[in-house]
Amino acid sequence: MNEIEKIVKVAEDLLKGRESVALSAIDASGYPRIYEMEVMTNSNVKTLYFTTGIYSDKVANYKKNEKAGISFCEGEHCISIIGTI
């Protein structure tokens, strides 16, 4: 198992059983916006599913800028992941 695979495994272990994560977006003013979001599927850190209203600020922000980040902690271990929505 290479270093990346080890990190993914640790992240997936930390994610198991979590009900929510912090999800970030860039708002219309160009500032970061953090949302506490319930995770619908949480066994794989490479693909996570969230739900929200289609007319929410989150959706509007991601339509303008699809870059996103999530963060979650368990005890002293914290994981931050960046990607796109």
Protein backbone atom coordinates (compact mmCIF):
# COMPACT_ATOMS: atom_id res chain seq x y z
CA MET A 1 0.00 0.00 0.00
CA ASN A 2 1.54 3.32 -1.07
CA GLU A 3 1.39 6.55 0.97
CA ILE A 4 -1.68 7.94 -0.84
CA GLU A 5 -3.58 4.68 -0.33
CA LYS A 6 -2.70 4.78 3.39
CA ILE A 7 -4.02 8.34 3.71
CA VAL A 8 -7.24 7.43 1.87
CA LYS A 9 -7.72 4.42 4.17
CA VAL A 10 -7.26 6.57 7.29
CA ALA A 11 -9.69 9.17 5.91
CA GLU A 12 -12.28 6.50 5.10
CA ASP A 13 -11.92 4.98 8.58
CA LEU A 14 -12.43 8.43 10.17
CA LEU A 15 -15.43 9.12 7.94
CA LYS A 16 -17.26 5.91 8.87
CA GLY A 17 -20.11 6.65 11.23
CA ARG A 18 -19.87 10.42 10.82
CA GLU A 19 -23.19 12.12 10.44
CA SER A 20 -21.85 15.41 9.10
CA VAL A 21 -18.82 17.21 7.72
CA ALA A 22 -17.89 20.85 7.15
CA LEU A 23 -18.34 21.66 3.45
CA SER A 24 -16.82 24.84 2.01
CA ALA A 25 -17.72 26.96 -1.00
CA ILE A 26 -16.75 30.36 -2.37
CA ASP A 27 -19.65 32.81 -2.10
CA ALA A 28 -20.71 35.48 -4.60
CA SER A 29 -18.38 38.00 -2.90
CA GLY A 30 -15.38 35.69 -3.29
CA TYR A 31 -15.21 34.70 0.39
CA PRO A 32 -15.15 31.18 1.79
CA ARG A 33 -18.45 29.93 3.20
CA ILE A 34 -18.59 26.89 5.47
CA TYR A 35 -21.70 24.70 5.73
CA GLU A 36 -22.23 21.84 8.19
CA MET A 37 -23.71 19.13 5.97
CA GLU A 38 -25.15 15.69 6.62
CA VAL A 39 -23.32 13.01 4.64
CA MET A 40 -25.69 10.72 2.76
CA THR A 41 -23.05 8.09 1.88
CA ASN A 42 -19.89 7.93 3.91
CA SER A 43 -17.85 4.86 3.06
CA ASN A 44 -15.67 6.35 0.32
CA VAL A 45 -13.88 9.71 0.57
CA LYS A 46 -13.49 9.93 -3.19
CA THR A 47 -17.25 10.40 -3.73
CA LEU A 48 -19.57 11.89 -1.10
CA TYR A 49 -23.25 12.72 -1.47
CA PHE A 50 -25.07 15.63 0.17
CA THR A 51 -28.60 16.97 -0.19
CA THR A 52 -29.83 20.55 -0.25
CA GLY A 53 -32.55 22.62 -1.87
CA ILE A 54 -31.97 23.41 -5.55
CA TYR A 55 -32.52 27.14 -4.88
CA SER A 56 -30.19 27.29 -1.87
CA ASP A 57 -27.18 29.59 -1.54
CA LYS A 58 -24.96 26.51 -1.69
CA VAL A 59 -26.21 25.52 -5.12
CA ALA A 60 -25.89 29.10 -6.40
CA ASN A 61 -22.30 29.26 -5.09
CA TYR A 62 -21.31 25.95 -6.69
CA LYS A 63 -22.87 26.91 -10.02
CA LYS A 64 -20.50 29.90 -10.10
CA ASN A 65 -17.47 28.05 -8.72
CA GLU A 66 -17.48 24.25 -8.45
CA LYS A 67 -14.38 24.10 -6.22
CA ALA A 68 -15.12 22.70 -2.78
CA GLY A 69 -13.48 21.45 0.37
CA ILE A 70 -14.59 19.23 3.21
CA SER A 71 -13.15 18.81 6.66
CA PHE A 72 -13.92 16.46 9.51
CA CYS A 73 -12.23 15.46 12.76
CA GLU A 74 -12.31 12.51 15.09
CA GLY A 75 -10.42 13.10 18.31
CA GLU A 76 -6.99 14.47 17.45
CA HIS A 77 -7.17 13.35 13.81
CA CYS A 78 -8.48 15.81 11.21
CA ILE A 79 -8.84 15.40 7.45
CA SER A 80 -9.31 18.12 4.87
CA ILE A 81 -10.03 17.27 1.24
CA ILE A 82 -10.38 19.52 -1.78
CA GLY A 83 -12.17 18.80 -5.03
CA THR A 84 -15.13 19.82 -7.14
CA ILE A 85 -18.90 19.56 -6.88
